[in-house]
């Protein structure tokens, strides 16, 4: 059971630094059960998980402690492994949870050299704005820094 407690504490603080490792939110409770394979979508659904969380949390609280977590786990393990006794089912769920850590795969993260430098780079364009202008005509719109200062765009426009 010590491995399950370590797993509980890792998931309890995941993406929620304001909480302590002693309490787990409903979101993280659902995450631990989904990632460990307890919530399979058939025998144990997200509704079952939400009901178990609400049943075992303290009234007025938004999180569960480790003891409440174990009670909810025991309740859900009998649903997940219907053919086994409650002790065997709990042992099977504990085995699923041992050594697990929260996965961050598929989550959005910021990348410092994303698209902004690429979009600001002149090397990515096929034709430079400088190439569109000469001293007599310019295809640049008025007010563009590359447009000629005198006379604006020429009357001749390419078709």
C-alpha atoms as a PDB file:
ATOM      1  CA  UNK A   1       0.000   0.000   0.000  1.00  0.00           C
ATOM      2  CA  UNK A   2       3.001   2.301   0.340  1.00  0.00           C
ATOM      3  CA  UNK A   3       3.343   2.415  -3.472  1.00  0.00           C
ATOM      4  CA  UNK A   4      -0.306   3.436  -3.794  1.00  0.00           C
ATOM      5  CA  UNK A   5       0.252   6.258  -1.314  1.00  0.00           C
ATOM      6  CA  UNK A   6       3.234   7.513  -3.349  1.00  0.00           C
ATOM      7  CA  UNK A   7       1.103   7.399  -6.486  1.00  0.00           C
ATOM      8  CA  UNK A   8      -1.706   9.228  -4.665  1.00  0.00           C
ATOM      9  CA  UNK A   9       0.660  12.009  -3.581  1.00  0.00           C
ATOM     10  CA  UNK A  10       2.125  12.432  -7.084  1.00  0.00           C
ATOM     11  CA  UNK A  11      -1.317  12.784  -8.633  1.00  0.00           C
ATOM     12  CA  UNK A  12      -2.618  14.973  -5.773  1.00  0.00           C
ATOM     13  CA  UNK A  13      -0.229  17.831  -6.562  1.00  0.00           C
ATOM     14  CA  UNK A  14      -0.284  17.419 -10.351  1.00  0.00           C
ATOM     15  CA  UNK A  15      -1.184  20.720 -12.091  1.00  0.00           C
ATOM     16  CA  UNK A  16      -2.517  22.083  -8.808  1.00  0.00           C
ATOM     17  CA  UNK A  17       0.363  23.539  -6.760  1.00  0.00           C
ATOM     18  CA  UNK A  18      -2.062  25.244  -4.354  1.00  0.00           C
ATOM     19  CA  UNK A  19      -3.108  21.893  -2.867  1.00  0.00           C
ATOM     20  CA  UNK A  20      -1.001  19.828  -0.539  1.00  0.00           C
ATOM     21  CA  UNK A  21       0.039  16.274  -1.310  1.00  0.00           C
ATOM     22  CA  UNK A  22      -2.437  15.149   1.383  1.00  0.00           C
ATOM     23  CA  UNK A  23      -5.589  16.121  -0.564  1.00  0.00           C
ATOM     24  CA  UNK A  24      -6.688  15.286  -4.099  1.00  0.00           C
ATOM     25  CA  UNK A  25      -9.145  17.229  -6.244  1.00  0.00           C
ATOM     26  CA  UNK A  26     -11.923  15.561  -8.227  1.00  0.00           C
ATOM     27  CA  UNK A  27     -10.102  16.301 -11.473  1.00  0.00           C
ATOM     28  CA  UNK A  28      -6.958  14.545 -10.303  1.00  0.00           C
ATOM     29  CA  UNK A  29      -9.008  11.689  -8.818  1.00  0.00           C
ATOM     30  CA  UNK A  30     -10.521  11.084 -12.236  1.00  0.00           C
ATOM     31  CA  UNK A  31      -7.079  11.408 -13.863  1.00  0.00           C
ATOM     32  CA  UNK A  32      -5.426   8.824 -11.607  1.00  0.00           C
ATOM     33  CA  UNK A  33      -8.201   6.305 -12.173  1.00  0.00           C
ATOM     34  CA  UNK A  34      -8.180   6.833 -15.935  1.00  0.00           C
ATOM     35  CA  UNK A  35      -4.396   6.630 -16.334  1.00  0.00           C
ATOM     36  CA  UNK A  36      -4.068   3.576 -14.099  1.00  0.00           C
ATOM     37  CA  UNK A  37      -6.763   1.684 -15.982  1.00  0.00           C
ATOM     38  CA  UNK A  38      -9.353   1.538 -13.209  1.00  0.00           C
ATOM     39  CA  UNK A  39     -11.817   3.673 -15.169  1.00  0.00           C
ATOM     40  CA  UNK A  40     -12.297   1.657 -18.344  1.00  0.00           C
ATOM     41  CA  UNK A  41     -15.473   3.282 -19.672  1.00  0.00           C
ATOM     42  CA  UNK A  42     -17.564   0.101 -19.369  1.00  0.00           C
ATOM     43  CA  UNK A  43     -17.408  -1.402 -15.883  1.00  0.00           C
ATOM     44  CA  UNK A  44     -16.288   1.866 -14.283  1.00  0.00           C
ATOM     45  CA  UNK A  45     -17.403   5.054 -16.034  1.00  0.00           C
ATOM     46  CA  UNK A  46     -16.657   8.707 -15.337  1.00  0.00           C
ATOM     47  CA  UNK A  47     -20.082   8.957 -13.696  1.00  0.00           C
ATOM     48  CA  UNK A  48     -19.150   6.143 -11.286  1.00  0.00           C
ATOM     49  CA  UNK A  49     -15.910   7.957 -10.474  1.00  0.00           C
ATOM     50  CA  UNK A  50     -17.720  11.255  -9.818  1.00  0.00           C
ATOM     51  CA  UNK A  51     -20.288   9.523  -7.591  1.00  0.00           C
ATOM     52  CA  UNK A  52     -17.557   7.749  -5.588  1.00  0.00           C
ATOM     53  CA  UNK A  53     -15.685  11.030  -5.146  1.00  0.00           C
ATOM     54  CA  UNK A  54     -18.812  12.840  -3.955  1.00  0.00           C
ATOM     55  CA  UNK A  55     -19.752   9.982  -1.635  1.00  0.00           C
ATOM     56  CA  UNK A  56     -16.437   9.787   0.200  1.00  0.00           C
ATOM     57  CA  UNK A  57     -15.349  13.438   0.359  1.00  0.00           C
ATOM     58  CA  UNK A  58     -16.129  15.442   3.479  1.00  0.00           C
ATOM     59  CA  UNK A  59     -19.227  17.603   3.313  1.00  0.00           C
ATOM     60  CA  UNK A  60     -18.365  21.055   2.003  1.00  0.00           C
ATOM     61  CA  UNK A  61     -14.915  19.941   0.872  1.00  0.00           C
ATOM     62  CA  UNK A  62     -13.649  19.955  -2.710  1.00  0.00           C
ATOM     63  CA  UNK A  63     -10.994  17.293  -2.186  1.00  0.00           C
ATOM     64  CA  UNK A  64     -10.427  13.909  -0.585  1.00  0.00           C
ATOM     65  CA  UNK A  65      -7.619  12.762   1.680  1.00  0.00           C
ATOM     66  CA  UNK A  66      -5.748   9.482   1.389  1.00  0.00           C
ATOM     67  CA  UNK A  67      -8.117   7.549   3.680  1.00  0.00           C
ATOM     68  CA  UNK A  68     -11.182   8.731   1.736  1.00  0.00           C
ATOM     69  CA  UNK A  69      -9.336   7.841  -1.458  1.00  0.00           C
ATOM     70  CA  UNK A  70      -8.846   4.256  -0.250  1.00  0.00           C
ATOM     71  CA  UNK A  71     -12.545   3.922   0.612  1.00  0.00           C
ATOM     72  CA  UNK A  72     -13.532   5.180  -2.841  1.00  0.00           C
ATOM     73  CA  UNK A  73     -10.949   2.882  -4.420  1.00  0.00           C
ATOM     74  CA  UNK A  74     -12.379  -0.124  -2.595  1.00  0.00           C
ATOM     75  CA  UNK A  75     -15.872   0.774  -3.787  1.00  0.00           C
ATOM     76  CA  UNK A  76     -14.749   1.181  -7.414  1.00  0.00           C
ATOM     77  CA  UNK A  77     -12.535  -1.921  -7.389  1.00  0.00           C
ATOM     78  CA  UNK A  78     -15.545  -4.167  -6.764  1.00  0.00           C
ATOM     79  CA  UNK A  79     -17.217  -2.624  -9.841  1.00  0.00           C
ATOM     80  CA  UNK A  80     -14.093  -2.961 -11.977  1.00  0.00           C
ATOM     81  CA  UNK A  81     -13.437  -6.615 -11.075  1.00  0.00           C
ATOM     82  CA  UNK A  82     -16.943  -8.031 -10.566  1.00  0.00           C
ATOM     83  CA  UNK A  83     -16.010 -11.735 -10.437  1.00  0.00           C
ATOM     84  CA  UNK A  84     -13.497 -11.314  -7.610  1.00  0.00           C
ATOM     85  CA  UNK A  85     -13.941 -10.872  -3.875  1.00  0.00           C
ATOM     86  CA  UNK A  86     -13.566  -7.334  -2.533  1.00  0.00           C
ATOM     87  CA  UNK A  87     -10.045  -8.077  -1.229  1.00  0.00           C
ATOM     88  CA  UNK A  88      -8.915  -9.600  -4.541  1.00  0.00           C
ATOM     89  CA  UNK A  89     -10.461  -6.718  -6.478  1.00  0.00           C
ATOM     90  CA  UNK A  90      -8.710  -4.138  -4.294  1.00  0.00           C
ATOM     91  CA  UNK A  91      -5.406  -5.993  -4.697  1.00  0.00           C
ATOM     92  CA  UNK A  92      -5.868  -5.968  -8.488  1.00  0.00           C
ATOM     93  CA  UNK A  93      -6.524  -2.205  -8.481  1.00  0.00           C
ATOM     94  CA  UNK A  94      -3.511  -1.617  -6.216  1.00  0.00           C
ATOM     95  CA  UNK A  95      -1.377  -3.575  -8.677  1.00  0.00           C
ATOM     96  CA  UNK A  96      -2.644  -1.342 -11.522  1.00  0.00           C
ATOM     97  CA  UNK A  97      -1.658   1.784  -9.586  1.00  0.00           C
ATOM     98  CA  UNK A  98       1.792   0.816  -8.347  1.00  0.00           C
ATOM     99  CA  UNK A  99       4.594   3.017  -9.636  1.00  0.00           C
ATOM    100  CA  UNK A 100       2.399   5.223 -11.840  1.00  0.00           C
ATOM    101  CA  UNK A 101       3.067   8.912 -12.423  1.00  0.00           C
ATOM    102  CA  UNK A 102       0.888  11.581 -14.017  1.00  0.00           C
ATOM    103  CA  UNK A 103       1.368  11.723 -17.773  1.00  0.00           C
ATOM    104  CA  UNK A 104       1.735  15.037 -19.530  1.00  0.00           C
ATOM    105  CA  UNK A 105       1.608  13.602 -23.051  1.00  0.00           C
ATOM    106  CA  UNK A 106      -0.614  15.538 -25.421  1.00  0.00           C
ATOM    107  CA  UNK A 107      -0.848  18.658 -23.308  1.00  0.00           C
ATOM    108  CA  UNK A 108      -0.189  22.064 -24.767  1.00  0.00           C
ATOM    109  CA  UNK A 109       3.040  23.707 -23.767  1.00  0.00           C
ATOM    110  CA  UNK A 110       4.602  27.004 -24.706  1.00  0.00           C
ATOM    111  CA  UNK A 111       7.509  26.981 -27.138  1.00  0.00           C
ATOM    112  CA  UNK A 112       9.713  30.070 -27.042  1.00  0.00           C
ATOM    113  CA  UNK A 113      10.821  29.858 -30.665  1.00  0.00           C
ATOM    114  CA  UNK A 114       7.403  29.068 -32.100  1.00  0.00           C
ATOM    115  CA  UNK A 115       6.014  30.879 -35.128  1.00  0.00           C
ATOM    116  CA  UNK A 116       6.824  34.504 -34.316  1.00  0.00           C
ATOM    117  CA  UNK A 117      10.468  34.620 -35.451  1.00  0.00           C
ATOM    118  CA  UNK A 118       9.578  32.582 -38.512  1.00  0.00           C
ATOM    119  CA  UNK A 119       6.803  35.005 -39.467  1.00  0.00           C
ATOM    120  CA  UNK A 120       9.019  38.049 -38.929  1.00  0.00           C
ATOM    121  CA  UNK A 121      11.862  36.641 -40.977  1.00  0.00           C
ATOM    122  CA  UNK A 122      12.233  38.084 -44.477  1.00  0.00           C
ATOM    123  CA  UNK A 123      14.008  34.944 -45.629  1.00  0.00           C
ATOM    124  CA  UNK A 124      10.701  33.048 -45.675  1.00  0.00           C
ATOM    125  CA  UNK A 125       9.100  35.207 -48.374  1.00  0.00           C
ATOM    126  CA  UNK A 126       9.579  34.502 -52.072  1.00  0.00           C
ATOM    127  CA  UNK A 127       9.630  38.199 -53.047  1.00  0.00           C
ATOM    128  CA  UNK A 128      10.940  40.997 -50.879  1.00  0.00           C
ATOM    129  CA  UNK A 129       8.997  44.239 -50.672  1.00  0.00           C
ATOM    130  CA  UNK A 130      12.194  45.981 -51.813  1.00  0.00           C
ATOM    131  CA  UNK A 131      12.084  43.960 -55.049  1.00  0.00           C
ATOM    132  CA  UNK A 132       8.577  45.248 -55.800  1.00  0.00           C
ATOM    133  CA  UNK A 133       9.665  48.909 -55.875  1.00  0.00           C
ATOM    134  CA  UNK A 134      12.043  50.911 -57.990  1.00  0.00           C
ATOM    135  CA  UNK A 135      12.487  54.688 -58.252  1.00  0.00           C
ATOM    136  CA  UNK A 136       9.546  55.153 -60.697  1.00  0.00           C
ATOM    137  CA  UNK A 137       6.888  52.638 -59.636  1.00  0.00           C
ATOM    138  CA  UNK A 138       5.943  50.575 -56.664  1.00  0.00           C
ATOM    139  CA  UNK A 139       3.495  47.772 -56.092  1.00  0.00           C
ATOM    140  CA  UNK A 140       3.526  48.510 -52.382  1.00  0.00           C
ATOM    141  CA  UNK A 141       0.433  50.170 -50.899  1.00  0.00           C
ATOM    142  CA  UNK A 142       0.686  53.851 -49.970  1.00  0.00           C
ATOM    143  CA  UNK A 143       2.137  54.395 -46.529  1.00  0.00           C
ATOM    144  CA  UNK A 144       4.433  51.363 -46.828  1.00  0.00           C
ATOM    145  CA  UNK A 145       8.022  52.242 -45.841  1.00  0.00           C
ATOM    146  CA  UNK A 146       9.274  50.841 -49.172  1.00  0.00           C
ATOM    147  CA  UNK A 147       6.902  52.931 -51.253  1.00  0.00           C
ATOM    148  CA  UNK A 148       8.541  55.906 -53.054  1.00  0.00           C
ATOM    149  CA  UNK A 149       8.326  59.154 -51.086  1.00  0.00           C
ATOM    150  CA  UNK A 150       7.452  61.317 -54.099  1.00  0.00           C
ATOM    151  CA  UNK A 151       4.340  60.834 -56.163  1.00  0.00           C
ATOM    152  CA  UNK A 152       3.089  57.635 -54.542  1.00  0.00           C
ATOM    153  CA  UNK A 153       2.387  54.590 -56.631  1.00  0.00           C
ATOM    154  CA  UNK A 154       2.672  54.839 -60.364  1.00  0.00           C
ATOM    155  CA  UNK A 155      -0.376  54.865 -62.672  1.00  0.00           C
ATOM    156  CA  UNK A 156       0.935  51.765 -64.335  1.00  0.00           C
ATOM    157  CA  UNK A 157      -0.230  48.628 -62.620  1.00  0.00           C
ATOM    158  CA  UNK A 158       0.706  45.184 -63.871  1.00  0.00           C
ATOM    159  CA  UNK A 159      -2.167  42.970 -64.991  1.00  0.00           C
END
